[in-house]
Amino acid sequence: MIGPRHRTRVVLLAAACGLAGMLCAAPVSAQLMLPGAAPPSQQGSVQAPSARPKPAEASAAAKLPGEDAVVGKTLFLNGTRGRLVVERRDKTVLTARFIAVGDRISRPAEACGLDLGGGTAIDLKAAGRPDGMIRWQLDFAACPVTMDVLDGAVLVSGVPGACTFVEADCKVDPRGVWGPAPSQLQPLAKVIETDRTKADRSVRGNFKILLKKTSGKQEVKAVASEQAGFTSERETLCRDYASEANFGFCATRYTELRAASLLARLNRLDGKPETALAEAAKPKPKPKPKPKPPEAAGLPGAALPQ
């Protein structure tokens, strides 16, 4: 038997439970909105996050020396053999005095030298920047060569092997890096080391971007194989350069050429004209110094010292 006091408690408890049930069962008609919050989505729907376009990866900068990097300098194959001097005839025409050293045809153990121009300078023909660096062609009938301008050197290529001059009894192979003699490298030791670090970084960065932009299993494999072969090519090309173990001049300049070549390829993939490299190679104008205030310059109207 329930007393009056207990009956009252039971009634109140039932009323409270009924009210709670009504609140729990009732649909939510409003939600708390904070300033700046987005309105709720319909029941059962999910809002997809807004897709943001990925920023385009910027190509790593590469050193792009101009003509003045070699004009007027005396260059030697591997720093010791022959003699190459590029001169400026006028504002538009460049010439080269090119003496190559090789072996006598009749007596291979005996060295011989040959002036490809016969004592006169040979005109150089501009050939654009197909591999990033300025390229020249030396249209010498018996030994046509290509020169890629490096920083203080040129890479001579374009001939499959040695050039034979029967009348002069001489066979020469001009291919390779023509640069300064070892005695000129000592003052540049720290600069060369810094350049090598920057060139290696540029090669790695641009290779990664090129790999991402390459589609197809075979194409990706070809790009990776080319990059792997670059190291062995550099070793083969530079192993005979004088004092290479001490300064690494040849390897540094060839690495810079590789970085420029990758940059040129990326520009072509992005639809940029070859002239974009020439624009990037132009020296940036130095900022004009800010004018000093009258007080600092001692001009009329300056405040007098106290």
Protein backbone atom coordinates (compact mmCIF):
# COMPACT_ATOMS: atom_id res chain seq x y z
CA MET A 1 0.00 0.00 0.00
CA ILE A 2 1.38 3.36 -1.04
CA GLY A 3 0.96 6.33 1.22
CA PRO A 4 -0.04 9.78 0.03
CA ARG A 5 3.55 11.06 0.19
CA HIS A 6 4.92 8.19 -1.88
CA ARG A 7 2.04 8.47 -4.38
CA THR A 8 2.92 12.11 -4.99
CA ARG A 9 6.56 11.19 -5.71
CA VAL A 10 5.51 8.51 -8.22
CA VAL A 11 3.25 10.95 -10.09
CA LEU A 12 5.98 13.59 -10.28
CA LEU A 13 8.53 11.02 -11.50
CA ALA A 14 6.16 9.76 -14.21
CA ALA A 15 5.47 13.30 -15.35
CA ALA A 16 9.18 14.03 -15.55
CA CYS A 17 9.85 10.87 -17.57
CA GLY A 18 6.99 11.67 -19.94
CA LEU A 19 8.30 15.16 -20.53
CA ALA A 20 11.81 13.83 -21.18
CA GLY A 21 10.38 11.30 -23.65
CA MET A 22 8.58 14.03 -25.55
CA LEU A 23 11.76 16.07 -25.76
CA CYS A 24 13.83 13.09 -26.89
CA ALA A 25 11.29 12.01 -29.51
CA ALA A 26 10.68 15.47 -30.94
CA PRO A 27 12.60 16.28 -34.17
CA VAL A 28 15.29 18.90 -33.98
CA SER A 29 13.91 22.04 -35.57
CA ALA A 30 16.79 24.44 -34.91
CA GLN A 31 20.52 24.32 -34.24
CA LEU A 32 22.87 26.78 -32.69
CA MET A 33 24.49 28.88 -35.44
CA LEU A 34 27.86 30.48 -34.74
CA PRO A 35 28.98 33.59 -36.62
CA GLY A 36 30.54 32.59 -39.93
CA ALA A 37 29.34 28.97 -39.72
CA ALA A 38 27.89 27.24 -42.80
CA PRO A 39 24.20 26.20 -42.70
CA PRO A 40 23.59 22.52 -41.88
CA SER A 41 23.21 20.06 -44.74
CA GLN A 42 20.08 18.01 -45.30
CA GLN A 43 19.63 14.99 -43.10
CA GLY A 44 21.58 12.02 -44.46
CA SER A 45 23.72 14.05 -46.91
CA VAL A 46 27.47 14.62 -46.69
CA GLN A 47 29.17 17.78 -47.95
CA ALA A 48 32.30 17.05 -49.99
CA PRO A 49 35.29 19.20 -49.11
CA SER A 50 36.03 21.87 -51.70
CA ALA A 51 38.79 20.71 -54.05
CA ARG A 52 41.75 23.08 -54.19
CA PRO A 53 43.98 23.00 -57.28
CA LYS A 54 47.50 21.91 -56.53
CA PRO A 55 50.02 24.69 -57.06
CA ALA A 56 52.31 24.16 -60.05
CA GLU A 57 55.78 23.07 -59.07
CA ALA A 58 58.38 25.69 -59.85
CA SER A 59 61.41 24.54 -61.78
CA ALA A 60 64.71 24.83 -59.97
CA ALA A 61 66.92 27.66 -61.20
CA ALA A 62 69.95 26.80 -63.31
CA LYS A 63 73.07 28.79 -64.11
CA LEU A 64 72.81 30.15 -67.64
CA PRO A 65 76.06 31.99 -68.47
CA GLY A 66 76.20 34.45 -71.34
CA GLU A 67 78.74 34.87 -74.12
CA ASP A 68 81.00 37.01 -71.94
CA ALA A 69 81.69 33.94 -69.80
CA VAL A 70 84.21 32.79 -72.42
CA VAL A 71 84.81 35.65 -74.87
CA GLY A 72 88.44 36.77 -74.76
CA LYS A 73 89.59 33.89 -72.55
CA THR A 74 92.19 31.31 -73.55
CA LEU A 75 90.80 27.79 -73.17
CA PHE A 76 92.52 24.40 -73.38
CA LEU A 77 91.16 20.92 -73.91
CA ASN A 78 91.10 19.35 -70.44
CA GLY A 79 93.01 22.40 -69.28
CA THR A 80 96.27 21.45 -71.03
CA ARG A 81 95.97 20.66 -74.76
CA GLY A 82 95.42 22.85 -77.83
CA ARG A 83 94.23 26.42 -77.70
CA LEU A 84 90.82 28.03 -78.21
CA VAL A 85 90.07 31.75 -78.07
CA VAL A 86 86.62 33.16 -78.84
CA GLU A 87 86.70 36.81 -79.95
CA ARG A 88 84.11 39.41 -80.79
CA ARG A 89 84.54 40.84 -84.29
CA ASP A 90 81.65 43.25 -83.75
CA LYS A 91 78.40 43.42 -81.82
CA THR A 92 76.84 40.53 -83.74
CA VAL A 93 79.69 38.33 -85.02
CA LEU A 94 81.83 36.03 -82.90
CA THR A 95 84.90 34.21 -84.17
CA ALA A 96 87.16 31.46 -82.88
CA ARG A 97 90.86 30.79 -83.21
CA PHE A 98 91.05 27.04 -82.78
CA ILE A 99 94.27 25.04 -82.52
CA ALA A 100 93.65 21.33 -81.91
CA VAL A 101 96.30 18.84 -80.84
CA GLY A 102 96.34 15.20 -81.93
CA ASP A 103 98.52 12.42 -83.30
CA ARG A 104 100.38 12.10 -86.57
CA ILE A 105 98.78 9.65 -88.98
CA SER A 106 102.15 8.27 -90.14
CA ARG A 107 103.59 8.08 -86.63
CA PRO A 108 100.76 7.74 -84.07
CA ALA A 109 103.13 8.03 -81.11
CA GLU A 110 104.11 11.55 -82.22
CA ALA A 111 101.92 14.54 -81.34
CA CYS A 112 100.85 17.15 -83.87
CA GLY A 113 99.05 20.48 -83.74
CA LEU A 114 96.65 21.89 -86.31
CA ASP A 115 95.19 25.38 -86.67
CA LEU A 116 91.70 24.69 -87.99
CA GLY A 117 91.45 28.17 -89.46
CA GLY A 118 94.84 28.14 -91.12
CA GLY A 119 95.96 31.16 -89.12
CA THR A 120 92.69 33.08 -89.38
CA ALA A 121 89.65 33.26 -87.13
CA ILE A 122 86.59 31.18 -88.03
CA ASP A 123 83.08 32.60 -87.73
CA LEU A 124 80.81 31.06 -85.11
CA LYS A 125 77.17 30.52 -85.95
CA ALA A 126 74.52 30.93 -83.24
CA ALA A 127 72.43 27.76 -82.77
CA GLY A 128 70.02 28.75 -80.00
CA ARG A 129 69.73 27.01 -76.62
CA PRO A 130 68.49 23.47 -77.36
CA ASP A 131 70.10 22.13 -74.16
CA GLY A 132 69.68 25.26 -72.08
CA MET A 133 73.11 26.81 -72.67
CA ILE A 134 74.12 29.06 -75.58
CA ARG A 135 75.21 26.91 -78.50
CA TRP A 136 77.55 27.80 -81.36
CA GLN A 137 78.43 25.90 -84.50
CA LEU A 138 81.82 26.06 -86.12
CA ASP A 139 81.20 25.26 -89.77
CA PHE A 140 84.65 24.03 -90.67
CA ALA A 141 84.24 21.62 -93.57
CA ALA A 142 86.82 19.07 -92.47
CA CYS A 143 85.80 19.11 -88.80
CA PRO A 144 82.45 20.79 -88.00
CA VAL A 145 81.91 21.05 -84.25
CA THR A 146 79.31 22.28 -81.79
CA MET A 147 80.15 24.36 -78.72
CA ASP A 148 77.94 24.72 -75.65
CA VAL A 149 78.92 27.73 -73.55
CA LEU A 150 79.64 26.92 -69.91
CA ASP A 151 80.85 29.24 -67.16
CA GLY A 152 84.45 29.90 -68.19
CA ALA A 153 84.56 26.92 -70.56
CA VAL A 154 82.91 25.31 -73.60
CA LEU A 155 81.86 21.76 -74.25
CA VAL A 156 82.92 20.76 -77.77
CA SER A 157 80.90 18.00 -79.43
CA GLY A 158 79.16 17.38 -82.74
CA VAL A 159 81.72 15.08 -84.36
CA PRO A 160 81.48 11.29 -83.98
CA GLY A 161 85.22 10.86 -83.60
CA ALA A 162 88.60 12.25 -84.53
CA CYS A 163 88.97 14.52 -87.56
CA THR A 164 91.58 13.35 -90.07
CA PHE A 165 93.68 15.78 -92.12
CA VAL A 166 95.69 13.70 -94.58
CA GLU A 167 97.63 16.58 -96.11
CA ALA A 168 98.74 17.77 -92.67
CA ASP A 169 99.45 14.19 -91.56
CA CYS A 170 97.46 14.87 -88.40
CA LYS A 171 94.40 13.38 -86.70
CA VAL A 172 92.74 15.43 -83.94
CA ASP A 173 89.82 14.81 -81.60
CA PRO A 174 88.48 18.17 -80.32
CA ARG A 175 85.66 16.70 -78.23
CA GLY A 176 85.57 17.49 -74.53
CA VAL A 177 85.63 20.41 -72.10
CA TRP A 178 87.87 23.31 -73.07
CA GLY A 179 88.58 25.41 -70.01
CA PRO A 180 91.21 27.20 -67.96
CA ALA A 181 94.61 25.82 -67.03
CA PRO A 182 95.01 24.34 -63.52
CA SER A 183 97.00 27.40 -62.37
CA GLN A 184 93.89 29.53 -62.89
CA LEU A 185 91.62 27.30 -60.79
CA GLN A 186 93.17 27.79 -57.35
CA PRO A 187 91.61 31.25 -56.78
CA LEU A 188 88.24 29.82 -57.86
CA ALA A 189 88.25 26.81 -55.55
CA LYS A 190 85.53 28.02 -53.17
CA VAL A 191 83.41 29.41 -55.99
CA ILE A 192 83.57 26.07 -57.82
CA GLU A 193 82.56 24.22 -54.65
CA THR A 194 79.56 26.51 -54.12
CA ASP A 195 78.55 26.20 -57.79
CA ARG A 196 78.68 22.41 -57.56
CA THR A 197 76.33 22.36 -54.57
CA LYS A 198 73.82 24.61 -56.36
CA ALA A 199 74.07 22.62 -59.59
CA ASP A 200 73.50 19.29 -57.82
CA ARG A 201 70.43 20.73 -56.09
CA SER A 202 69.05 22.06 -59.37
CA VAL A 203 69.57 18.72 -61.14
CA ARG A 204 67.79 16.78 -58.37
CA GLY A 205 64.88 19.22 -58.23
CA ASN A 206 64.26 19.42 -61.97
CA PHE A 207 64.66 15.67 -62.42
CA LYS A 208 61.94 15.01 -59.82
CA ILE A 209 59.59 17.44 -61.57
CA LEU A 210 60.33 15.89 -64.96
CA LEU A 211 59.64 12.42 -63.55
CA LYS A 212 56.24 13.55 -62.22
CA LYS A 213 55.33 15.04 -65.59
CA THR A 214 56.32 11.89 -67.48
CA SER A 215 53.56 9.34 -68.15
CA GLY A 216 53.92 5.76 -69.33
CA LYS A 217 56.04 3.02 -67.86
CA GLN A 218 58.59 2.98 -70.67
CA GLU A 219 58.90 6.77 -70.73
CA VAL A 220 59.48 6.92 -66.97
CA LYS A 221 62.05 4.16 -67.26
CA ALA A 222 63.86 6.06 -70.03
CA VAL A 223 64.01 9.29 -67.99
CA ALA A 224 65.31 7.43 -64.92
CA SER A 225 67.91 5.59 -67.03
CA GLU A 226 69.08 8.86 -68.57
CA GLN A 227 69.56 10.40 -65.13
CA ALA A 228 71.46 7.36 -63.91
CA GLY A 229 73.73 7.50 -66.97
CA PHE A 230 74.52 11.18 -66.38
CA THR A 231 76.91 10.36 -63.52
CA SER A 232 78.93 7.89 -65.57
CA GLU A 233 79.02 10.28 -68.53
CA ARG A 234 80.38 13.02 -66.28
CA GLU A 235 83.06 10.70 -64.95
CA THR A 236 84.12 9.68 -68.45
CA LEU A 237 84.17 13.25 -69.73
CA CYS A 238 86.04 14.80 -66.80
CA ARG A 239 88.49 12.14 -65.65
CA ASP A 240 91.28 13.57 -67.84
CA TYR A 241 90.77 17.23 -66.93
CA ALA A 242 93.88 18.59 -65.21
CA SER A 243 93.66 18.76 -61.38
CA GLU A 244 90.06 17.53 -61.48
CA ALA A 245 90.54 15.63 -58.22
CA ASN A 246 91.54 18.88 -56.49
CA PHE A 247 89.01 21.33 -57.91
CA GLY A 248 86.24 19.42 -59.72
CA PHE A 249 85.94 22.22 -62.30
CA CYS A 250 84.89 20.01 -65.22
CA ALA A 251 82.34 18.03 -63.19
CA THR A 252 80.82 21.23 -61.82
CA ARG A 253 80.39 22.83 -65.23
CA TYR A 254 79.00 19.63 -66.75
CA THR A 255 76.51 19.36 -63.88
CA GLU A 256 75.42 22.94 -64.57
CA LEU A 257 74.87 21.95 -68.20
CA ARG A 258 72.71 19.02 -67.09
CA ALA A 259 70.64 21.33 -64.86
CA ALA A 260 70.13 23.75 -67.75
CA SER A 261 69.19 20.89 -70.08
CA LEU A 262 66.50 19.65 -67.67
CA LEU A 263 65.17 23.18 -67.28
CA ALA A 264 64.97 23.56 -71.07
CA ARG A 265 63.03 20.29 -71.33
CA LEU A 266 60.58 21.34 -68.63
CA ASN A 267 60.02 24.65 -70.40
CA ARG A 268 59.18 22.80 -73.60
CA LEU A 269 56.70 20.59 -71.72
CA ASP A 270 55.07 23.72 -70.30
CA GLY A 271 54.87 25.29 -73.75
CA LYS A 272 57.38 28.05 -73.00
CA PRO A 273 59.45 29.36 -75.93
CA GLU A 274 63.21 28.88 -76.06
CA THR A 275 63.60 32.62 -75.60
CA ALA A 276 62.40 32.18 -72.01
CA LEU A 277 65.84 30.80 -71.16
CA ALA A 278 67.52 33.78 -72.76
CA GLU A 279 65.33 36.11 -70.72
CA ALA A 280 66.17 34.19 -67.53
CA ALA A 281 69.88 34.48 -68.33
CA LYS A 282 69.81 38.28 -68.58
CA PRO A 283 71.49 39.92 -65.59
CA LYS A 284 69.01 41.51 -63.23
CA PRO A 285 69.36 45.31 -62.95
CA LYS A 286 70.84 46.45 -59.70
CA PRO A 287 68.37 48.31 -57.46
CA LYS A 288 68.91 52.04 -57.41
CA PRO A 289 70.21 53.33 -54.07
CA LYS A 290 67.63 55.19 -52.02
CA PRO A 291 68.26 58.95 -51.82
CA LYS A 292 69.64 60.04 -48.50
CA PRO A 293 67.58 62.50 -46.46
CA PRO A 294 68.89 66.11 -46.38
CA GLU A 295 70.04 65.70 -42.79
CA ALA A 296 72.33 62.80 -43.75
CA ALA A 297 73.58 64.30 -46.99
CA GLY A 298 74.45 67.68 -45.50
CA LEU A 299 72.31 69.51 -48.07
CA PRO A 300 70.81 72.97 -47.59
CA GLY A 301 67.94 72.74 -45.22
CA ALA A 302 69.62 70.12 -43.07
CA ALA A 303 69.21 70.44 -39.37
CA LEU A 304 72.10 72.15 -37.63
CA PRO A 305 73.93 70.20 -34.96
CA GLN A 306 72.86 71.07 -31.43
